[in-house]
Amino acid sequence: MRISGVDYILYTKKDLLDFFDAFELKLKDIWKEFYKESDFEEDVYNVFYAADKITFEEMEQQGFFLNGHHEGPFYIIFDALYAETERQITLVLPAQRETSAFCERIFQLVNEVCCGGSGN
């Protein structure tokens, strides 16, 4: 059973609310509706995203995976205290970006929100 996904580290100057508001708005282009579970501890915000609750529950049992539609749950860790002027984002995908169009799309979406537009 594969528990862990593939980690990617990105950096942003955006604050937590700006990042997640922009990210979730763009995520709706991929999944009109999505399921998320989050927690906040010691200035680190952790969010699991999945297409639906069933997919999330499957991930809890088997780890990160790609389903028959080549999509899967993923995880974002937002470290608000990484540095004075920037925040660290760890994106955990179910497969390597180079081998999954879905994972590449999620990575590019996060990267665009982190680094694209003004304020970065």
PDB file of N, CA and C in Angstrom:
ATOM      1  N   MET A   1       0.839  -1.180   0.000  1.00  0.00           N
ATOM      2  CA  MET A   1       0.000   0.000   0.000  1.00  0.00           C
ATOM      3  C   MET A   1       0.886   1.246   0.000  1.00  0.00           C
ATOM      4  N   ARG A   2       0.593   2.177  -0.887  1.00  0.00           N
ATOM      5  CA  ARG A   2       1.346   3.429  -0.993  1.00  0.00           C
ATOM      6  C   ARG A   2       0.663   4.482  -0.132  1.00  0.00           C
ATOM      7  N   ILE A   3       1.345   4.961   0.882  1.00  0.00           N
ATOM      8  CA  ILE A   3       0.778   5.952   1.793  1.00  0.00           C
ATOM      9  C   ILE A   3       1.131   7.362   1.360  1.00  0.00           C
ATOM     10  N   SER A   4       2.384   7.600   1.070  1.00  0.00           N
ATOM     11  CA  SER A   4       2.816   8.973   0.813  1.00  0.00           C
ATOM     12  C   SER A   4       2.689   9.328  -0.661  1.00  0.00           C
ATOM     13  N   GLY A   5       2.526  10.620  -0.883  1.00  0.00           N
ATOM     14  CA  GLY A   5       2.484  11.139  -2.235  1.00  0.00           C
ATOM     15  C   GLY A   5       3.831  11.724  -2.608  1.00  0.00           C
ATOM     16  N   VAL A   6       3.826  12.560  -3.616  1.00  0.00           N
ATOM     17  CA  VAL A   6       5.034  13.200  -4.112  1.00  0.00           C
ATOM     18  C   VAL A   6       4.984  14.669  -3.694  1.00  0.00           C
ATOM     19  N   ASP A   7       6.020  15.117  -2.978  1.00  0.00           N
ATOM     20  CA  ASP A   7       6.048  16.476  -2.427  1.00  0.00           C
ATOM     21  C   ASP A   7       6.720  17.463  -3.367  1.00  0.00           C
ATOM     22  N   TYR A   8       6.128  18.657  -3.445  1.00  0.00           N
ATOM     23  CA  TYR A   8       6.700  19.783  -4.180  1.00  0.00           C
ATOM     24  C   TYR A   8       6.649  20.995  -3.259  1.00  0.00           C
ATOM     25  N   ILE A   9       7.709  21.765  -3.219  1.00  0.00           N
ATOM     26  CA  ILE A   9       7.794  22.948  -2.360  1.00  0.00           C
ATOM     27  C   ILE A   9       7.721  24.199  -3.237  1.00  0.00           C
ATOM     28  N   LEU A  10       6.842  25.123  -2.860  1.00  0.00           N
ATOM     29  CA  LEU A  10       6.702  26.405  -3.544  1.00  0.00           C
ATOM     30  C   LEU A  10       6.701  27.501  -2.486  1.00  0.00           C
ATOM     31  N   TYR A  11       6.900  28.727  -2.929  1.00  0.00           N
ATOM     32  CA  TYR A  11       6.951  29.861  -2.003  1.00  0.00           C
ATOM     33  C   TYR A  11       6.047  30.971  -2.523  1.00  0.00           C
ATOM     34  N   THR A  12       5.469  31.714  -1.593  1.00  0.00           N
ATOM     35  CA  THR A  12       4.595  32.813  -1.968  1.00  0.00           C
ATOM     36  C   THR A  12       4.707  33.953  -0.959  1.00  0.00           C
ATOM     37  N   LYS A  13       4.382  35.128  -1.410  1.00  0.00           N
ATOM     38  CA  LYS A  13       4.294  36.278  -0.520  1.00  0.00           C
ATOM     39  C   LYS A  13       2.845  36.501  -0.070  1.00  0.00           C
ATOM     40  N   LYS A  14       1.933  35.741  -0.640  1.00  0.00           N
ATOM     41  CA  LYS A  14       0.517  35.880  -0.298  1.00  0.00           C
ATOM     42  C   LYS A  14       0.250  35.378   1.116  1.00  0.00           C
ATOM     43  N   ASP A  15      -0.742  35.981   1.738  1.00  0.00           N
ATOM     44  CA  ASP A  15      -1.141  35.466   3.046  1.00  0.00           C
ATOM     45  C   ASP A  15      -2.073  34.276   2.847  1.00  0.00           C
ATOM     46  N   LEU A  16      -2.363  33.608   3.913  1.00  0.00           N
ATOM     47  CA  LEU A  16      -3.135  32.372   3.890  1.00  0.00           C
ATOM     48  C   LEU A  16      -4.481  32.551   3.200  1.00  0.00           C
ATOM     49  N   LEU A  17      -5.256  33.547   3.609  1.00  0.00           N
ATOM     50  CA  LEU A  17      -6.591  33.735   3.040  1.00  0.00           C
ATOM     51  C   LEU A  17      -6.536  34.080   1.559  1.00  0.00           C
ATOM     52  N   ASP A  18      -5.630  34.957   1.169  1.00  0.00           N
ATOM     53  CA  ASP A  18      -5.512  35.313  -0.250  1.00  0.00           C
ATOM     54  C   ASP A  18      -5.152  34.094  -1.087  1.00  0.00           C
ATOM     55  N   PHE A  19      -4.204  33.297  -0.598  1.00  0.00           N
ATOM     56  CA  PHE A  19      -3.793  32.116  -1.344  1.00  0.00           C
ATOM     57  C   PHE A  19      -4.956  31.143  -1.503  1.00  0.00           C
ATOM     58  N   PHE A  20      -5.601  30.755  -0.403  1.00  0.00           N
ATOM     59  CA  PHE A  20      -6.647  29.730  -0.484  1.00  0.00           C
ATOM     60  C   PHE A  20      -7.898  30.224  -1.194  1.00  0.00           C
ATOM     61  N   ASP A  21      -8.256  31.486  -1.054  1.00  0.00           N
ATOM     62  CA  ASP A  21      -9.403  32.018  -1.807  1.00  0.00           C
ATOM     63  C   ASP A  21      -9.138  31.908  -3.302  1.00  0.00           C
ATOM     64  N   ALA A  22      -7.966  32.336  -3.737  1.00  0.00           N
ATOM     65  CA  ALA A  22      -7.620  32.284  -5.163  1.00  0.00           C
ATOM     66  C   ALA A  22      -7.494  30.836  -5.642  1.00  0.00           C
ATOM     67  N   PHE A  23      -6.852  30.002  -4.837  1.00  0.00           N
ATOM     68  CA  PHE A  23      -6.659  28.604  -5.231  1.00  0.00           C
ATOM     69  C   PHE A  23      -7.995  27.885  -5.383  1.00  0.00           C
ATOM     70  N   GLU A  24      -8.868  28.012  -4.412  1.00  0.00           N
ATOM     71  CA  GLU A  24     -10.134  27.281  -4.461  1.00  0.00           C
ATOM     72  C   GLU A  24     -11.041  27.788  -5.582  1.00  0.00           C
ATOM     73  N   LEU A  25     -10.945  29.054  -5.907  1.00  0.00           N
ATOM     74  CA  LEU A  25     -11.699  29.579  -7.044  1.00  0.00           C
ATOM     75  C   LEU A  25     -11.216  28.916  -8.340  1.00  0.00           C
ATOM     76  N   LYS A  26      -9.909  28.792  -8.501  1.00  0.00           N
ATOM     77  CA  LYS A  26      -9.346  28.149  -9.692  1.00  0.00           C
ATOM     78  C   LYS A  26      -9.587  26.635  -9.689  1.00  0.00           C
ATOM     79  N   LEU A  27      -9.586  26.008  -8.514  1.00  0.00           N
ATOM     80  CA  LEU A  27      -9.828  24.569  -8.418  1.00  0.00           C
ATOM     81  C   LEU A  27     -11.213  24.212  -8.950  1.00  0.00           C
ATOM     82  N   LYS A  28     -12.158  25.138  -8.843  1.00  0.00           N
ATOM     83  CA  LYS A  28     -13.511  24.889  -9.354  1.00  0.00           C
ATOM     84  C   LYS A  28     -13.535  24.738 -10.877  1.00  0.00           C
ATOM     85  N   ASP A  29     -12.475  25.155 -11.561  1.00  0.00           N
ATOM     86  CA  ASP A  29     -12.368  24.897 -12.999  1.00  0.00           C
ATOM     87  C   ASP A  29     -12.093  23.420 -13.265  1.00  0.00           C
ATOM     88  N   ILE A  30     -11.519  22.737 -12.287  1.00  0.00           N
ATOM     89  CA  ILE A  30     -11.222  21.304 -12.414  1.00  0.00           C
ATOM     90  C   ILE A  30     -12.358  20.480 -11.811  1.00  0.00           C
ATOM     91  N   TRP A  31     -12.719  20.803 -10.579  1.00  0.00           N
ATOM     92  CA  TRP A  31     -13.820  20.141  -9.873  1.00  0.00           C
ATOM     93  C   TRP A  31     -14.834  21.206  -9.481  1.00  0.00           C
ATOM     94  N   LYS A  32     -15.998  21.219 -10.111  1.00  0.00           N
ATOM     95  CA  LYS A  32     -17.026  22.219  -9.773  1.00  0.00           C
ATOM     96  C   LYS A  32     -17.356  22.166  -8.283  1.00  0.00           C
ATOM     97  N   GLU A  33     -17.446  20.977  -7.762  1.00  0.00           N
ATOM     98  CA  GLU A  33     -17.649  20.737  -6.339  1.00  0.00           C
ATOM     99  C   GLU A  33     -16.450  19.916  -5.880  1.00  0.00           C
ATOM    100  N   PHE A  34     -15.971  20.162  -4.682  1.00  0.00           N
ATOM    101  CA  PHE A  34     -14.880  19.343  -4.149  1.00  0.00           C
ATOM    102  C   PHE A  34     -15.071  19.189  -2.652  1.00  0.00           C
ATOM    103  N   TYR A  35     -14.381  18.208  -2.117  1.00  0.00           N
ATOM    104  CA  TYR A  35     -14.438  17.933  -0.684  1.00  0.00           C
ATOM    105  C   TYR A  35     -13.092  18.321  -0.099  1.00  0.00           C
ATOM    106  N   LYS A  36     -13.126  18.942   1.084  1.00  0.00           N
ATOM    107  CA  LYS A  36     -11.858  19.271   1.739  1.00  0.00           C
ATOM    108  C   LYS A  36     -11.976  19.046   3.235  1.00  0.00           C
ATOM    109  N   GLU A  37     -10.859  18.686   3.813  1.00  0.00           N
ATOM    110  CA  GLU A  37     -10.724  18.578   5.264  1.00  0.00           C
ATOM    111  C   GLU A  37      -9.490  19.370   5.622  1.00  0.00           C
ATOM    112  N   SER A  38      -9.609  20.197   6.658  1.00  0.00           N
ATOM    113  CA  SER A  38      -8.488  21.056   7.013  1.00  0.00           C
ATOM    114  C   SER A  38      -8.315  21.138   8.514  1.00  0.00           C
ATOM    115  N   ASP A  39      -7.108  21.514   8.913  1.00  0.00           N
ATOM    116  CA  ASP A  39      -6.834  21.828  10.303  1.00  0.00           C
ATOM    117  C   ASP A  39      -5.729  22.867  10.356  1.00  0.00           C
ATOM    118  N   PHE A  40      -5.671  23.550  11.461  1.00  0.00           N
ATOM    119  CA  PHE A  40      -4.728  24.641  11.646  1.00  0.00           C
ATOM    120  C   PHE A  40      -4.044  24.438  12.982  1.00  0.00           C
ATOM    121  N   GLU A  41      -2.729  24.297  12.945  1.00  0.00           N
ATOM    122  CA  GLU A  41      -1.992  24.143  14.201  1.00  0.00           C
ATOM    123  C   GLU A  41      -0.636  24.814  14.078  1.00  0.00           C
ATOM    124  N   GLU A  42      -0.300  25.595  15.073  1.00  0.00           N
ATOM    125  CA  GLU A  42       0.991  26.276  15.154  1.00  0.00           C
ATOM    126  C   GLU A  42       1.350  27.021  13.865  1.00  0.00           C
ATOM    127  N   ASP A  43       0.424  27.816  13.357  1.00  0.00           N
ATOM    128  CA  ASP A  43       0.613  28.637  12.167  1.00  0.00           C
ATOM    129  C   ASP A  43       0.860  27.833  10.886  1.00  0.00           C
ATOM    130  N   VAL A  44       0.490  26.578  10.903  1.00  0.00           N
ATOM    131  CA  VAL A  44       0.557  25.749   9.704  1.00  0.00           C
ATOM    132  C   VAL A  44      -0.867  25.289   9.400  1.00  0.00           C
ATOM    133  N   TYR A  45      -1.312  25.563   8.172  1.00  0.00           N
ATOM    134  CA  TYR A  45      -2.652  25.209   7.732  1.00  0.00           C
ATOM    135  C   TYR A  45      -2.531  24.020   6.800  1.00  0.00           C
ATOM    136  N   ASN A  46      -3.220  22.928   7.128  1.00  0.00           N
ATOM    137  CA  ASN A  46      -3.169  21.686   6.370  1.00  0.00           C
ATOM    138  C   ASN A  46      -4.528  21.427   5.735  1.00  0.00           C
ATOM    139  N   VAL A  47      -4.539  21.171   4.423  1.00  0.00           N
ATOM    140  CA  VAL A  47      -5.805  20.934   3.737  1.00  0.00           C
ATOM    141  C   VAL A  47      -5.677  19.751   2.784  1.00  0.00           C
ATOM    142  N   PHE A  48      -6.585  18.778   2.947  1.00  0.00           N
ATOM    143  CA  PHE A  48      -6.717  17.682   1.988  1.00  0.00           C
ATOM    144  C   PHE A  48      -7.857  18.038   1.049  1.00  0.00           C
ATOM    145  N   TYR A  49      -7.633  17.845  -0.251  1.00  0.00           N
ATOM    146  CA  TYR A  49      -8.670  18.064  -1.259  1.00  0.00           C
ATOM    147  C   TYR A  49      -8.936  16.755  -1.986  1.00  0.00           C
ATOM    148  N   ALA A  50     -10.207  16.522  -2.280  1.00  0.00           N
ATOM    149  CA  ALA A  50     -10.606  15.367  -3.079  1.00  0.00           C
ATOM    150  C   ALA A  50     -11.848  15.750  -3.873  1.00  0.00           C
ATOM    151  N   ALA A  51     -12.136  14.990  -4.907  1.00  0.00           N
ATOM    152  CA  ALA A  51     -13.311  15.274  -5.723  1.00  0.00           C
ATOM    153  C   ALA A  51     -14.596  15.120  -4.914  1.00  0.00           C
ATOM    154  N   ASP A  52     -14.582  14.206  -3.942  1.00  0.00           N
ATOM    155  CA  ASP A  52     -15.759  13.972  -3.109  1.00  0.00           C
ATOM    156  C   ASP A  52     -15.336  13.269  -1.822  1.00  0.00           C
ATOM    157  N   LYS A  53     -16.279  13.104  -0.917  1.00  0.00           N
ATOM    158  CA  LYS A  53     -15.971  12.505   0.382  1.00  0.00           C
ATOM    159  C   LYS A  53     -15.558  11.039   0.249  1.00  0.00           C
ATOM    160  N   ILE A  54     -16.153  10.333  -0.690  1.00  0.00           N
ATOM    161  CA  ILE A  54     -15.806   8.918  -0.889  1.00  0.00           C
ATOM    162  C   ILE A  54     -14.332   8.783  -1.273  1.00  0.00           C
ATOM    163  N   THR A  55     -13.875   9.638  -2.179  1.00  0.00           N
ATOM    164  CA  THR A  55     -12.462   9.614  -2.589  1.00  0.00           C
ATOM    165  C   THR A  55     -11.564   9.933  -1.404  1.00  0.00           C
ATOM    166  N   PHE A  56     -11.969  10.905  -0.583  1.00  0.00           N
ATOM    167  CA  PHE A  56     -11.194  11.237   0.606  1.00  0.00           C
ATOM    168  C   PHE A  56     -11.106  10.034   1.540  1.00  0.00           C
ATOM    169  N   GLU A  57     -12.217   9.349   1.763  1.00  0.00           N
ATOM    170  CA  GLU A  57     -12.220   8.183   2.652  1.00  0.00           C
ATOM    171  C   GLU A  57     -11.365   7.052   2.089  1.00  0.00           C
ATOM    172  N   GLU A  58     -11.363   6.889   0.763  1.00  0.00           N
ATOM    173  CA  GLU A  58     -10.494   5.885   0.135  1.00  0.00           C
ATOM    174  C   GLU A  58      -9.028   6.226   0.375  1.00  0.00           C
ATOM    175  N   MET A  59      -8.696   7.520   0.311  1.00  0.00           N
ATOM    176  CA  MET A  59      -7.320   7.942   0.555  1.00  0.00           C
ATOM    177  C   MET A  59      -6.914   7.639   1.996  1.00  0.00           C
ATOM    178  N   GLU A  60      -7.816   7.842   2.929  1.00  0.00           N
ATOM    179  CA  GLU A  60      -7.495   7.538   4.324  1.00  0.00           C
ATOM    180  C   GLU A  60      -7.136   6.071   4.503  1.00  0.00           C
ATOM    181  N   GLN A  61      -7.721   5.205   3.673  1.00  0.00           N
ATOM    182  CA  GLN A  61      -7.464   3.770   3.799  1.00  0.00           C
ATOM    183  C   GLN A  61      -6.284   3.290   2.964  1.00  0.00           C
ATOM    184  N   GLN A  62      -6.091   3.848   1.774  1.00  0.00           N
ATOM    185  CA  GLN A  62      -5.047   3.317   0.887  1.00  0.00           C
ATOM    186  C   GLN A  62      -3.935   4.298   0.558  1.00  0.00           C
ATOM    187  N   GLY A  63      -4.014   5.512   1.052  1.00  0.00           N
ATOM    188  CA  GLY A  63      -2.998   6.503   0.736  1.00  0.00           C
ATOM    189  C   GLY A  63      -3.350   7.265  -0.532  1.00  0.00           C
ATOM    190  N   PHE A  64      -2.416   8.064  -1.009  1.00  0.00           N
ATOM    191  CA  PHE A  64      -2.642   8.841  -2.223  1.00  0.00           C
ATOM    192  C   PHE A  64      -2.746   7.896  -3.418  1.00  0.00           C
ATOM    193  N   PHE A  65      -3.637   8.211  -4.353  1.00  0.00           N
ATOM    194  CA  PHE A  65      -3.841   7.351  -5.512  1.00  0.00           C
ATOM    195  C   PHE A  65      -4.477   8.147  -6.642  1.00  0.00           C
ATOM    196  N   LEU A  66      -4.378   7.611  -7.837  1.00  0.00           N
ATOM    197  CA  LEU A  66      -5.103   8.136  -8.991  1.00  0.00           C
ATOM    198  C   LEU A  66      -6.227   7.162  -9.300  1.00  0.00           C
ATOM    199  N   ASN A  67      -7.435   7.688  -9.522  1.00  0.00           N
ATOM    200  CA  ASN A  67      -8.578   6.818  -9.789  1.00  0.00           C
ATOM    201  C   ASN A  67      -8.666   6.485 -11.283  1.00  0.00           C
ATOM    202  N   GLY A  68      -9.765   5.889 -11.695  1.00  0.00           N
ATOM    203  CA  GLY A  68      -9.959   5.507 -13.090  1.00  0.00           C
ATOM    204  C   GLY A  68     -10.017   6.689 -14.044  1.00  0.00           C
ATOM    205  N   HIS A  69     -10.279   7.888 -13.527  1.00  0.00           N
ATOM    206  CA  HIS A  69     -10.285   9.102 -14.345  1.00  0.00           C
ATOM    207  C   HIS A  69      -8.924   9.800 -14.299  1.00  0.00           C
ATOM    208  N   HIS A  70      -7.940   9.138 -13.680  1.00  0.00           N
ATOM    209  CA  HIS A  70      -6.572   9.653 -13.560  1.00  0.00           C
ATOM    210  C   HIS A  70      -6.509  10.922 -12.714  1.00  0.00           C
ATOM    211  N   GLU A  71      -7.407  11.007 -11.732  1.00  0.00           N
ATOM    212  CA  GLU A  71      -7.414  12.101 -10.768  1.00  0.00           C
ATOM    213  C   GLU A  71      -7.302  11.489  -9.383  1.00  0.00           C
ATOM    214  N   GLY A  72      -6.912  12.319  -8.416  1.00  0.00           N
ATOM    215  CA  GLY A  72      -6.824  11.802  -7.060  1.00  0.00           C
ATOM    216  C   GLY A  72      -6.757  12.912  -6.038  1.00  0.00           C
ATOM    217  N   PRO A  73      -6.813  12.536  -4.787  1.00  0.00           N
ATOM    218  CA  PRO A  73      -6.735  13.513  -3.703  1.00  0.00           C
ATOM    219  C   PRO A  73      -5.328  14.092  -3.601  1.00  0.00           C
ATOM    220  N   PHE A  74      -5.249  15.296  -3.058  1.00  0.00           N
ATOM    221  CA  PHE A  74      -3.955  15.923  -2.836  1.00  0.00           C
ATOM    222  C   PHE A  74      -4.017  16.750  -1.559  1.00  0.00           C
ATOM    223  N   TYR A  75      -2.858  17.226  -1.147  1.00  0.00           N
ATOM    224  CA  TYR A  75      -2.698  17.835   0.177  1.00  0.00           C
ATOM    225  C   TYR A  75      -1.864  19.094   0.029  1.00  0.00           C
ATOM    226  N   ILE A  76      -2.265  20.161   0.720  1.00  0.00           N
ATOM    227  CA  ILE A  76      -1.492  21.400   0.746  1.00  0.00           C
ATOM    228  C   ILE A  76      -1.181  21.757   2.194  1.00  0.00           C
ATOM    229  N   ILE A  77       0.090  22.025   2.453  1.00  0.00           N
ATOM    230  CA  ILE A  77       0.541  22.483   3.767  1.00  0.00           C
ATOM    231  C   ILE A  77       1.038  23.910   3.589  1.00  0.00           C
ATOM    232  N   PHE A  78       0.417  24.858   4.278  1.00  0.00           N
ATOM    233  CA  PHE A  78       0.758  26.271   4.153  1.00  0.00           C
ATOM    234  C   PHE A  78       1.425  26.704   5.445  1.00  0.00           C
ATOM    235  N   ASP A  79       2.722  26.987   5.388  1.00  0.00           N
ATOM    236  CA  ASP A  79       3.487  27.401   6.561  1.00  0.00           C
ATOM    237  C   ASP A  79       3.581  28.920   6.581  1.00  0.00           C
ATOM    238  N   ALA A  80       2.744  29.537   7.414  1.00  0.00           N
ATOM    239  CA  ALA A  80       2.656  31.003   7.474  1.00  0.00           C
ATOM    240  C   ALA A  80       3.865  31.644   8.141  1.00  0.00           C
ATOM    241  N   LEU A  81       4.640  30.878   8.886  1.00  0.00           N
ATOM    242  CA  LEU A  81       5.786  31.434   9.608  1.00  0.00           C
ATOM    243  C   LEU A  81       7.128  31.009   9.017  1.00  0.00           C
ATOM    244  N   TYR A  82       7.137  30.551   7.776  1.00  0.00           N
ATOM    245  CA  TYR A  82       8.375  30.086   7.168  1.00  0.00           C
ATOM    246  C   TYR A  82       9.450  31.173   7.181  1.00  0.00           C
ATOM    247  N   ALA A  83       9.076  32.373   6.763  1.00  0.00           N
ATOM    248  CA  ALA A  83      10.010  33.501   6.746  1.00  0.00           C
ATOM    249  C   ALA A  83       9.190  34.781   6.913  1.00  0.00           C
ATOM    250  N   GLU A  84       9.872  35.852   7.228  1.00  0.00           N
ATOM    251  CA  GLU A  84       9.181  37.116   7.468  1.00  0.00           C
ATOM    252  C   GLU A  84       8.429  37.617   6.237  1.00  0.00           C
ATOM    253  N   THR A  85       9.000  37.425   5.053  1.00  0.00           N
ATOM    254  CA  THR A  85       8.391  37.992   3.848  1.00  0.00           C
ATOM    255  C   THR A  85       7.803  36.955   2.900  1.00  0.00           C
ATOM    256  N   GLU A  86       7.953  35.667   3.175  1.00  0.00           N
ATOM    257  CA  GLU A  86       7.345  34.675   2.304  1.00  0.00           C
ATOM    258  C   GLU A  86       6.876  33.465   3.098  1.00  0.00           C
ATOM    259  N   ARG A  87       5.940  32.751   2.498  1.00  0.00           N
ATOM    260  CA  ARG A  87       5.383  31.556   3.103  1.00  0.00           C
ATOM    261  C   ARG A  87       5.772  30.354   2.265  1.00  0.00           C
ATOM    262  N   GLN A  88       5.899  29.217   2.922  1.00  0.00           N
ATOM    263  CA  GLN A  88       6.228  27.979   2.207  1.00  0.00           C
ATOM    264  C   GLN A  88       4.974  27.151   2.037  1.00  0.00           C
ATOM    265  N   ILE A  89       4.803  26.633   0.837  1.00  0.00           N
ATOM    266  CA  ILE A  89       3.690  25.749   0.543  1.00  0.00           C
ATOM    267  C   ILE A  89       4.259  24.408   0.125  1.00  0.00           C
ATOM    268  N   THR A  90       3.814  23.365   0.788  1.00  0.00           N
ATOM    269  CA  THR A  90       4.160  22.013   0.374  1.00  0.00           C
ATOM    270  C   THR A  90       2.923  21.424  -0.279  1.00  0.00           C
ATOM    271  N   LEU A  91       3.065  21.018  -1.511  1.00  0.00           N
ATOM    272  CA  LEU A  91       1.985  20.391  -2.268  1.00  0.00           C
ATOM    273  C   LEU A  91       2.309  18.912  -2.376  1.00  0.00           C
ATOM    274  N   VAL A  92       1.405  18.073  -1.913  1.00  0.00           N
ATOM    275  CA  VAL A  92       1.605  16.625  -1.975  1.00  0.00           C
ATOM    276  C   VAL A  92       0.608  16.069  -2.983  1.00  0.00           C
ATOM    277  N   LEU A  93       1.143  15.541  -4.081  1.00  0.00           N
ATOM    278  CA  LEU A  93       0.328  15.009  -5.170  1.00  0.00           C
ATOM    279  C   LEU A  93       0.349  13.482  -5.161  1.00  0.00           C
ATOM    280  N   PRO A  94      -0.662  12.847  -5.756  1.00  0.00           N
ATOM    281  CA  PRO A  94      -0.710  11.383  -5.755  1.00  0.00           C
ATOM    282  C   PRO A  94       0.270  10.716  -6.713  1.00  0.00           C
ATOM    283  N   ALA A  95       0.865  11.487  -7.622  1.00  0.00           N
ATOM    284  CA  ALA A  95       1.846  10.935  -8.571  1.00  0.00           C
ATOM    285  C   ALA A  95       2.776  12.064  -9.005  1.00  0.00           C
ATOM    286  N   GLN A  96       3.848  11.709  -9.681  1.00  0.00           N
ATOM    287  CA  GLN A  96       4.773  12.717 -10.193  1.00  0.00           C
ATOM    288  C   GLN A  96       4.106  13.516 -11.300  1.00  0.00           C
ATOM    289  N   ARG A  97       4.420  14.796 -11.349  1.00  0.00           N
ATOM    290  CA  ARG A  97       3.832  15.681 -12.372  1.00  0.00           C
ATOM    291  C   ARG A  97       4.161  15.198 -13.777  1.00  0.00           C
ATOM    292  N   GLU A  98       5.353  14.675 -13.940  1.00  0.00           N
ATOM    293  CA  GLU A  98       5.805  14.250 -15.265  1.00  0.00           C
ATOM    294  C   GLU A  98       5.030  13.041 -15.792  1.00  0.00           C
ATOM    295  N   THR A  99       4.365  12.307 -14.929  1.00  0.00           N
ATOM    296  CA  THR A  99       3.659  11.096 -15.345  1.00  0.00           C
ATOM    297  C   THR A  99       2.147  11.224 -15.265  1.00  0.00           C
ATOM    298  N   SER A 100       1.642  12.377 -14.814  1.00  0.00           N
ATOM    299  CA  SER A 100       0.198  12.545 -14.628  1.00  0.00           C
ATOM    300  C   SER A 100      -0.235  13.939 -15.068  1.00  0.00           C
ATOM    301  N   ALA A 101      -1.099  13.992 -16.059  1.00  0.00           N
ATOM    302  CA  ALA A 101      -1.619  15.283 -16.524  1.00  0.00           C
ATOM    303  C   ALA A 101      -2.398  15.987 -15.401  1.00  0.00           C
ATOM    304  N   PHE A 102      -3.132  15.226 -14.603  1.00  0.00           N
ATOM    305  CA  PHE A 102      -3.873  15.810 -13.487  1.00  0.00           C
ATOM    306  C   PHE A 102      -2.917  16.445 -12.480  1.00  0.00           C
ATOM    307  N   CYS A 103      -1.876  15.727 -12.097  1.00  0.00           N
ATOM    308  CA  CYS A 103      -0.920  16.253 -11.113  1.00  0.00           C
ATOM    309  C   CYS A 103      -0.209  17.480 -11.662  1.00  0.00           C
ATOM    310  N   GLU A 104       0.148  17.459 -12.934  1.00  0.00           N
ATOM    311  CA  GLU A 104       0.771  18.634 -13.548  1.00  0.00           C
ATOM    312  C   GLU A 104      -0.194  19.815 -13.519  1.00  0.00           C
ATOM    313  N   ARG A 105      -1.458  19.563 -13.785  1.00  0.00           N
ATOM    314  CA  ARG A 105      -2.453  20.643 -13.776  1.00  0.00           C
ATOM    315  C   ARG A 105      -2.608  21.251 -12.381  1.00  0.00           C
ATOM    316  N   ILE A 106      -2.656  20.400 -11.354  1.00  0.00           N
ATOM    317  CA  ILE A 106      -2.764  20.908  -9.975  1.00  0.00           C
ATOM    318  C   ILE A 106      -1.508  21.688  -9.615  1.00  0.00           C
ATOM    319  N   PHE A 107      -0.332  21.161  -9.956  1.00  0.00           N
ATOM    320  CA  PHE A 107       0.910  21.872  -9.673  1.00  0.00           C
ATOM    321  C   PHE A 107       0.909  23.250 -10.338  1.00  0.00           C
ATOM    322  N   GLN A 108       0.543  23.309 -11.603  1.00  0.00           N
ATOM    323  CA  GLN A 108       0.534  24.579 -12.325  1.00  0.00           C
ATOM    324  C   GLN A 108      -0.477  25.551 -11.719  1.00  0.00           C
ATOM    325  N   LEU A 109      -1.606  25.039 -11.270  1.00  0.00           N
ATOM    326  CA  LEU A 109      -2.605  25.889 -10.627  1.00  0.00           C
ATOM    327  C   LEU A 109      -2.038  26.499  -9.341  1.00  0.00           C
ATOM    328  N   VAL A 110      -1.428  25.677  -8.494  1.00  0.00           N
ATOM    329  CA  VAL A 110      -0.826  26.178  -7.249  1.00  0.00           C
ATOM    330  C   VAL A 110       0.284  27.163  -7.565  1.00  0.00           C
ATOM    331  N   ASN A 111       1.127  26.832  -8.528  1.00  0.00           N
ATOM    332  CA  ASN A 111       2.232  27.719  -8.914  1.00  0.00           C
ATOM    333  C   ASN A 111       1.708  29.058  -9.420  1.00  0.00           C
ATOM    334  N   GLU A 112       0.655  29.037 -10.211  1.00  0.00           N
ATOM    335  CA  GLU A 112       0.065  30.275 -10.718  1.00  0.00           C
ATOM    336  C   GLU A 112      -0.465  31.144  -9.578  1.00  0.00           C
ATOM    337  N   VAL A 113      -1.123  30.530  -8.611  1.00  0.00           N
ATOM    338  CA  VAL A 113      -1.645  31.288  -7.478  1.00  0.00           C
ATOM    339  C   VAL A 113      -0.502  31.816  -6.614  1.00  0.00           C
ATOM    340  N   CYS A 114       0.525  31.008  -6.412  1.00  0.00           N
ATOM    341  CA  CYS A 114       1.672  31.422  -5.605  1.00  0.00           C
ATOM    342  C   CYS A 114       2.436  32.565  -6.248  1.00  0.00           C
ATOM    343  N   CYS A 115       2.707  32.419  -7.514  1.00  0.00           N
ATOM    344  CA  CYS A 115       3.698  33.280  -8.174  1.00  0.00           C
ATOM    345  C   CYS A 115       3.132  34.174  -9.251  1.00  0.00           C
ATOM    346  N   GLY A 116       1.952  33.884  -9.750  1.00  0.00           N
ATOM    347  CA  GLY A 116       1.386  34.670 -10.843  1.00  0.00           C
ATOM    348  C   GLY A 116       0.692  35.927 -10.360  1.00  0.00           C
ATOM    349  N   GLY A 117       0.551  36.879 -11.218  1.00  0.00           N
ATOM    350  CA  GLY A 117      -0.180  38.094 -10.899  1.00  0.00           C
ATOM    351  C   GLY A 117       0.586  39.016  -9.978  1.00  0.00           C
ATOM    352  N   SER A 118      -0.082  40.042  -9.533  1.00  0.00           N
ATOM    353  CA  SER A 118       0.576  41.035  -8.661  1.00  0.00           C
ATOM    354  C   SER A 118       0.612  40.556  -7.231  1.00  0.00           C
ATOM    355  N   GLY A 119       1.463  41.176  -6.465  1.00  0.00           N
ATOM    356  CA  GLY A 119       1.559  40.853  -5.040  1.00  0.00           C
ATOM    357  C   GLY A 119       2.590  39.816  -4.705  1.00  0.00           C
ATOM    358  N   ASN A 120       3.353  39.356  -5.682  1.00  0.00           N
ATOM    359  CA  ASN A 120       4.390  38.353  -5.419  1.00  0.00           C
ATOM    360  C   ASN A 120       5.752  38.867  -5.716  1.00  0.00           C
TER     361      ASN A 120
END
